[in-house]
């Protein structure tokens, strides 16, 4: 910064004002300072500047690698954070790097607040984390914990999907659940409730799974193996999320099962990949941009001293009908 000031013929304090986008310098001076900085390759050390203020304006975001919907959320987080004058630091869960490590990495970088995308930590651990730093859980309710939460109304989304399938004429509808992952318990309960409401309690079947392609592949293999033993395939499957649905579709396609004539498939999320397949995926849409905006606002408002009590934003999902759902084949 001293080098920039010397070459631009201004004070170091004025250079600091320019890079912090504060008043006090004319447009001509700003342009000169920025041009000189570009010529000598100077970039301000944002982290050091924030720490020098004694208060970080950085939001730490924890995400999971290979999770398309979380990538959509991150795309929504950046512009809202920038609009409010905050920066974003990402930390990812990956094989060999669990959630606890991802969170501690964000804390070690002095992030002012944390936004956790699909956290799987125990409620007690999240409560403890919320007492240490402002924290927002995205995609999961944490009742009683000192964290804010933003998620879609899972029961409404599943109800829309199930009503759609029943109206098409389906009765043998299977659910592949997401295990302990975010939203799974709510979606599982909503599936069971919907089957009972439609008088299909005897047809309820939940296949244990996860929110990834592997779970869909394994569920598909299980159903195909049952068919080979003389059992009928279900006419429809509600997958725990889009990734699970895609794994199922891959297995069905390789086995020559006609989707949707022999089996309809419905996902959940409406991630950006759901409409990039040869057959567009029928799925329940969660508004990633709106969810991201709420999460950022909750984090910033808590950082800036407002809303002492934990808050919860519940957003309405919407069924998006594409090519993987249709009436069951007669006969």
Protein backbone atom coordinates (compact mmCIF):
# COMPACT_ATOMS: atom_id res chain seq x y z
CA UNK A 1 0.00 0.00 0.00
CA UNK A 2 2.96 2.32 0.73
CA UNK A 3 4.37 1.56 -2.73
CA UNK A 4 1.05 2.41 -4.36
CA UNK A 5 0.86 5.68 -2.44
CA UNK A 6 4.40 6.67 -3.47
CA UNK A 7 3.86 5.98 -7.16
CA UNK A 8 0.41 7.62 -7.22
CA UNK A 9 1.66 10.70 -5.33
CA UNK A 10 -0.89 10.41 -2.52
CA UNK A 11 -0.85 9.44 1.15
CA UNK A 12 -1.08 5.87 2.35
CA UNK A 13 -4.27 6.81 4.22
CA UNK A 14 -5.85 7.94 0.96
CA UNK A 15 -4.93 4.65 -0.71
CA UNK A 16 -6.61 2.86 2.17
CA UNK A 17 -9.78 4.93 1.67
CA UNK A 18 -9.84 4.02 -2.02
CA UNK A 19 -9.53 0.28 -1.40
CA UNK A 20 -12.17 0.40 1.31
CA UNK A 21 -14.43 2.32 -1.07
CA UNK A 22 -14.82 5.11 1.50
CA UNK A 23 -15.44 8.82 0.73
CA UNK A 24 -12.53 11.26 0.77
CA UNK A 25 -10.94 10.85 -2.67
CA UNK A 26 -12.01 12.30 -6.00
CA UNK A 27 -12.89 9.98 -8.86
CA UNK A 28 -9.74 11.06 -10.69
CA UNK A 29 -7.60 10.13 -7.68
CA UNK A 30 -9.39 6.83 -7.27
CA UNK A 31 -8.76 5.94 -10.89
CA UNK A 32 -5.06 6.83 -10.56
CA UNK A 33 -4.63 4.77 -7.39
CA UNK A 34 -6.36 1.75 -8.88
CA UNK A 35 -4.35 2.05 -12.10
CA UNK A 36 -1.06 2.15 -10.18
CA UNK A 37 -2.11 -0.78 -8.03
CA UNK A 38 -2.90 -2.77 -11.16
CA UNK A 39 0.45 -1.86 -12.72
CA UNK A 40 2.47 -3.13 -9.75
CA UNK A 41 0.19 -6.09 -9.06
CA UNK A 42 -0.99 -4.97 -5.64
CA UNK A 43 -4.07 -6.60 -4.09
CA UNK A 44 -5.25 -5.62 -0.59
CA UNK A 45 -4.97 -8.27 2.12
CA UNK A 46 -8.64 -8.46 2.98
CA UNK A 47 -8.24 -10.91 5.85
CA UNK A 48 -5.61 -8.77 7.56
CA UNK A 49 -7.70 -5.65 7.09
CA UNK A 50 -10.77 -7.26 8.63
CA UNK A 51 -8.84 -8.61 11.60
CA UNK A 52 -7.30 -5.18 12.19
CA UNK A 53 -10.80 -3.82 12.68
CA UNK A 54 -11.32 -6.33 15.49
CA UNK A 55 -14.44 -7.67 13.80
CA UNK A 56 -14.63 -9.90 10.75
CA UNK A 57 -17.09 -9.14 7.96
CA UNK A 58 -16.64 -12.63 6.54
CA UNK A 59 -19.34 -15.29 6.45
CA UNK A 60 -18.03 -18.83 6.68
CA UNK A 61 -19.99 -21.33 4.59
CA UNK A 62 -19.74 -25.08 5.11
CA UNK A 63 -20.77 -27.24 2.16
CA UNK A 64 -20.42 -30.80 0.90
CA UNK A 65 -18.38 -31.62 -2.20
CA UNK A 66 -20.39 -33.05 -5.14
CA UNK A 67 -23.72 -31.77 -3.80
CA UNK A 68 -25.39 -29.92 -6.73
CA UNK A 69 -28.09 -28.22 -4.70
CA UNK A 70 -25.54 -26.84 -2.25
CA UNK A 71 -23.60 -25.45 -5.20
CA UNK A 72 -26.80 -23.67 -6.22
CA UNK A 73 -27.08 -22.29 -2.69
CA UNK A 74 -23.51 -20.97 -2.77
CA UNK A 75 -24.27 -19.17 -6.03
CA UNK A 76 -27.09 -17.39 -4.19
CA UNK A 77 -25.04 -16.65 -1.08
CA UNK A 78 -22.28 -14.68 -2.80
CA UNK A 79 -24.34 -11.84 -4.32
CA UNK A 80 -26.44 -11.33 -1.19
CA UNK A 81 -23.33 -11.26 1.03
CA UNK A 82 -21.62 -8.76 -1.29
CA UNK A 83 -24.75 -6.60 -1.35
CA UNK A 84 -24.61 -6.38 2.44
CA UNK A 85 -20.89 -5.68 2.50
CA UNK A 86 -19.67 -9.11 3.58
CA UNK A 87 -17.23 -11.58 2.07
CA UNK A 88 -17.61 -15.34 1.88
CA UNK A 89 -15.17 -18.09 2.87
CA UNK A 90 -15.95 -21.69 1.90
CA UNK A 91 -14.98 -24.87 3.74
CA UNK A 92 -15.97 -28.25 2.31
CA UNK A 93 -16.77 -31.65 3.72
CA UNK A 94 -15.04 -34.37 1.72
CA UNK A 95 -13.77 -37.92 2.20
CA UNK A 96 -11.25 -37.72 5.05
CA UNK A 97 -12.44 -34.26 6.05
CA UNK A 98 -15.52 -34.38 8.23
CA UNK A 99 -17.95 -31.67 9.27
CA UNK A 100 -16.14 -30.88 12.50
CA UNK A 101 -12.90 -30.13 10.61
CA UNK A 102 -14.75 -27.95 8.11
CA UNK A 103 -16.35 -25.92 10.88
CA UNK A 104 -13.14 -25.53 12.88
CA UNK A 105 -11.35 -24.30 9.76
CA UNK A 106 -13.92 -21.52 9.40
CA UNK A 107 -13.64 -20.60 13.07
CA UNK A 108 -9.83 -20.52 12.84
CA UNK A 109 -10.13 -17.95 10.03
CA UNK A 110 -12.15 -15.71 12.39
CA UNK A 111 -15.34 -15.80 10.33
CA UNK A 112 -17.93 -13.51 11.86
CA UNK A 113 -20.79 -15.95 11.35
CA UNK A 114 -21.31 -19.43 9.97
CA UNK A 115 -23.80 -20.72 7.40
CA UNK A 116 -23.98 -24.51 7.46
CA UNK A 117 -25.46 -26.16 4.36
CA UNK A 118 -27.13 -29.44 5.31
CA UNK A 119 -25.38 -29.94 8.66
CA UNK A 120 -25.37 -33.45 10.12
CA UNK A 121 -23.87 -32.64 13.54
CA UNK A 122 -25.84 -33.52 16.67
CA UNK A 123 -28.31 -30.93 17.92
CA UNK A 124 -26.25 -30.48 21.08
CA UNK A 125 -23.09 -29.78 19.07
CA UNK A 126 -24.91 -27.22 16.94
CA UNK A 127 -26.30 -25.59 20.07
CA UNK A 128 -22.78 -25.29 21.47
CA UNK A 129 -21.53 -23.87 18.18
CA UNK A 130 -24.37 -21.34 18.16
CA UNK A 131 -23.29 -20.14 21.59
CA UNK A 132 -19.76 -19.53 20.25
CA UNK A 133 -20.62 -17.69 17.04
CA UNK A 134 -23.74 -16.68 15.06
CA UNK A 135 -24.78 -19.77 13.11
CA UNK A 136 -27.43 -20.53 10.49
CA UNK A 137 -28.50 -24.07 9.62
CA UNK A 138 -29.73 -24.43 6.03
CA UNK A 139 -31.98 -27.34 5.11
CA UNK A 140 -32.42 -28.61 8.65
CA UNK A 141 -34.44 -27.58 11.69
CA UNK A 142 -32.57 -27.65 14.99
CA UNK A 143 -35.31 -27.18 17.63
CA UNK A 144 -34.08 -25.73 20.90
CA UNK A 145 -30.59 -24.95 19.63
CA UNK A 146 -29.14 -21.44 19.59
CA UNK A 147 -28.98 -21.33 15.80
CA UNK A 148 -31.19 -19.83 13.12
CA UNK A 149 -32.57 -22.16 10.44
CA UNK A 150 -33.79 -21.83 6.86
CA UNK A 151 -35.47 -24.71 5.07
CA UNK A 152 -38.37 -25.59 2.82
CA UNK A 153 -41.68 -26.96 4.08
CA UNK A 154 -40.80 -30.63 3.51
CA UNK A 155 -44.33 -31.92 4.16
CA UNK A 156 -45.78 -29.57 1.55
CA UNK A 157 -43.24 -30.60 -1.05
CA UNK A 158 -43.70 -34.32 -0.52
CA UNK A 159 -47.47 -33.92 -0.41
CA UNK A 160 -47.40 -32.21 -3.82
CA UNK A 161 -45.27 -35.02 -5.26
CA UNK A 162 -47.46 -37.76 -3.82
CA UNK A 163 -50.71 -36.09 -4.90
CA UNK A 164 -49.27 -35.83 -8.43
CA UNK A 165 -48.40 -39.54 -8.54
CA UNK A 166 -51.73 -40.68 -7.09
CA UNK A 167 -53.65 -38.47 -9.52
CA UNK A 168 -51.75 -40.15 -12.35
CA UNK A 169 -53.06 -43.50 -11.09
CA UNK A 170 -50.13 -44.83 -9.07
CA UNK A 171 -50.68 -46.96 -5.98
CA UNK A 172 -47.44 -48.92 -5.52
CA UNK A 173 -45.23 -45.96 -4.64
CA UNK A 174 -41.88 -46.60 -2.93
CA UNK A 175 -39.77 -44.03 -1.10
CA UNK A 176 -35.95 -44.13 -1.04
CA UNK A 177 -35.05 -42.12 2.02
CA UNK A 178 -31.98 -40.07 2.82
CA UNK A 179 -30.92 -41.74 6.06
CA UNK A 180 -29.80 -39.16 8.62
CA UNK A 181 -29.16 -36.40 6.09
CA UNK A 182 -30.89 -33.03 6.17
CA UNK A 183 -34.62 -33.12 5.53
CA UNK A 184 -34.73 -36.93 5.36
CA UNK A 185 -36.78 -37.57 8.48
CA UNK A 186 -39.37 -34.95 7.48
CA UNK A 187 -39.65 -36.31 3.93
CA UNK A 188 -39.98 -39.89 5.22
CA UNK A 189 -42.78 -38.91 7.59
CA UNK A 190 -44.50 -36.91 4.88
CA UNK A 191 -44.41 -39.89 2.50
CA UNK A 192 -45.98 -42.16 5.10
CA UNK A 193 -48.61 -39.53 5.93
CA UNK A 194 -49.48 -39.06 2.26
CA UNK A 195 -49.82 -42.81 1.62
CA UNK A 196 -52.18 -43.14 4.59
CA UNK A 197 -54.16 -40.09 3.50
CA UNK A 198 -54.68 -41.65 0.07
CA UNK A 199 -55.76 -44.99 1.57
CA UNK A 200 -52.52 -46.70 0.58
CA UNK A 201 -51.19 -47.63 4.01
CA UNK A 202 -50.70 -51.27 2.96
CA UNK A 203 -48.48 -50.15 0.08
CA UNK A 204 -46.05 -48.14 2.24
CA UNK A 205 -42.44 -49.13 1.62
CA UNK A 206 -39.32 -47.17 2.58
CA UNK A 207 -35.96 -48.29 1.21
CA UNK A 208 -33.07 -47.03 3.36
CA UNK A 209 -30.75 -44.79 1.37
CA UNK A 210 -28.82 -41.55 1.30
CA UNK A 211 -28.70 -38.29 -0.62
CA UNK A 212 -26.34 -39.52 -3.31
CA UNK A 213 -26.29 -41.42 -6.60
CA UNK A 214 -25.02 -44.59 -4.94
CA UNK A 215 -28.19 -44.93 -2.87
CA UNK A 216 -30.33 -44.67 -6.00
CA UNK A 217 -28.19 -47.23 -7.80
CA UNK A 218 -28.43 -49.71 -4.92
CA UNK A 219 -32.18 -49.22 -4.59
CA UNK A 220 -32.58 -49.80 -8.32
CA UNK A 221 -30.56 -53.01 -8.15
CA UNK A 222 -32.68 -54.20 -5.24
CA UNK A 223 -35.94 -53.60 -7.11
CA UNK A 224 -34.61 -55.25 -10.28
CA UNK A 225 -33.43 -58.29 -8.32
CA UNK A 226 -36.92 -58.59 -6.84
CA UNK A 227 -38.39 -58.42 -10.35
CA UNK A 228 -36.09 -61.23 -11.43
CA UNK A 229 -37.55 -63.33 -8.60
CA UNK A 230 -41.05 -62.76 -9.93
CA UNK A 231 -42.13 -59.74 -7.90
CA UNK A 232 -43.65 -56.68 -9.56
CA UNK A 233 -41.76 -53.41 -9.79
CA UNK A 234 -43.35 -50.44 -8.02
CA UNK A 235 -45.00 -48.15 -10.53
CA UNK A 236 -43.47 -45.04 -8.96
CA UNK A 237 -40.55 -44.06 -6.72
CA UNK A 238 -40.14 -40.89 -4.68
CA UNK A 239 -36.40 -40.45 -4.18
CA UNK A 240 -34.92 -38.62 -1.20
CA UNK A 241 -33.31 -36.02 -3.47
CA UNK A 242 -32.29 -35.43 -7.09
CA UNK A 243 -28.93 -37.19 -6.80
CA UNK A 244 -30.61 -40.33 -5.50
CA UNK A 245 -33.20 -40.11 -8.30
CA UNK A 246 -30.45 -39.82 -10.90
CA UNK A 247 -28.69 -42.92 -9.60
CA UNK A 248 -31.97 -44.82 -9.81
CA UNK A 249 -32.60 -43.58 -13.37
CA UNK A 250 -29.13 -44.74 -14.44
CA UNK A 251 -29.79 -48.26 -13.15
CA UNK A 252 -33.24 -48.44 -14.73
CA UNK A 253 -31.92 -47.22 -18.08
CA UNK A 254 -29.19 -49.88 -18.13
CA UNK A 255 -31.78 -52.55 -17.38
CA UNK A 256 -34.08 -51.33 -20.16
CA UNK A 257 -36.87 -50.21 -17.84
CA UNK A 258 -39.08 -47.65 -19.57
CA UNK A 259 -39.37 -44.43 -17.57
CA UNK A 260 -42.09 -43.28 -16.98
CA UNK A 261 -44.23 -46.03 -18.60
CA UNK A 262 -42.94 -48.82 -16.34
CA UNK A 263 -41.83 -46.67 -13.44
CA UNK A 264 -42.21 -42.98 -12.65
CA UNK A 265 -39.42 -41.30 -10.71
CA UNK A 266 -39.66 -38.08 -8.67
CA UNK A 267 -36.75 -36.30 -6.99
CA UNK A 268 -36.42 -33.47 -4.51
CA UNK A 269 -34.42 -30.18 -4.76
CA UNK A 270 -34.62 -29.21 -8.44
CA UNK A 271 -30.86 -28.76 -8.54
CA UNK A 272 -29.36 -27.41 -11.76
CA UNK A 273 -28.66 -30.97 -12.97
CA UNK A 274 -32.31 -32.06 -12.83
CA UNK A 275 -33.20 -30.50 -16.17
CA UNK A 276 -29.94 -31.36 -17.97
CA UNK A 277 -30.75 -35.05 -18.47
CA UNK A 278 -32.11 -36.64 -21.66
CA UNK A 279 -35.40 -36.94 -19.78
CA UNK A 280 -36.02 -33.99 -17.48
CA UNK A 281 -36.53 -35.05 -13.86
CA UNK A 282 -39.85 -34.42 -12.17
CA UNK A 283 -38.86 -33.00 -8.80
CA UNK A 284 -39.82 -30.76 -5.91
CA UNK A 285 -38.20 -27.37 -6.32
CA UNK A 286 -36.57 -25.62 -3.40
CA UNK A 287 -35.85 -21.97 -4.18
CA UNK A 288 -32.06 -21.96 -3.75
CA UNK A 289 -31.70 -18.20 -4.27
CA UNK A 290 -34.38 -17.29 -1.72
CA UNK A 291 -33.04 -19.80 0.81
CA UNK A 292 -29.54 -18.36 0.36
CA UNK A 293 -30.78 -14.80 0.81
CA UNK A 294 -32.57 -15.65 4.05
CA UNK A 295 -29.51 -17.46 5.38
CA UNK A 296 -27.22 -14.50 4.68
CA UNK A 297 -29.65 -11.99 6.16
CA UNK A 298 -30.07 -14.05 9.33
CA UNK A 299 -26.30 -14.29 9.75
CA UNK A 300 -25.71 -10.59 9.11
CA UNK A 301 -28.57 -9.40 11.33
CA UNK A 302 -27.30 -11.51 14.21
CA UNK A 303 -23.75 -10.24 13.66
CA UNK A 304 -24.94 -6.66 13.72
CA UNK A 305 -26.71 -7.07 17.04
CA UNK A 306 -30.32 -7.80 16.21
CA UNK A 307 -32.74 -10.64 16.91
CA UNK A 308 -31.41 -12.32 20.06
CA UNK A 309 -33.78 -15.30 19.79
CA UNK A 310 -33.25 -18.09 17.21
CA UNK A 311 -35.35 -17.64 14.11
CA UNK A 312 -36.72 -20.04 11.52
CA UNK A 313 -37.65 -19.32 7.90
CA UNK A 314 -39.84 -21.96 6.25
CA UNK A 315 -40.20 -21.51 2.50
CA UNK A 316 -42.79 -23.10 0.24
CA UNK A 317 -41.51 -25.66 -2.29
CA UNK A 318 -43.13 -26.31 -5.65
CA UNK A 319 -43.50 -29.46 -7.72
CA UNK A 320 -41.93 -29.21 -11.18
CA UNK A 321 -43.35 -31.82 -13.58
CA UNK A 322 -41.03 -33.02 -16.33
CA UNK A 323 -40.55 -36.23 -18.25
CA UNK A 324 -39.93 -38.86 -15.56
CA UNK A 325 -43.51 -39.05 -14.31
CA UNK A 326 -46.60 -40.26 -16.12
CA UNK A 327 -49.55 -42.65 -15.79
CA UNK A 328 -48.67 -46.26 -14.98
CA UNK A 329 -48.80 -48.74 -17.83
CA UNK A 330 -52.11 -50.60 -17.76
CA UNK A 331 -52.28 -54.35 -17.57
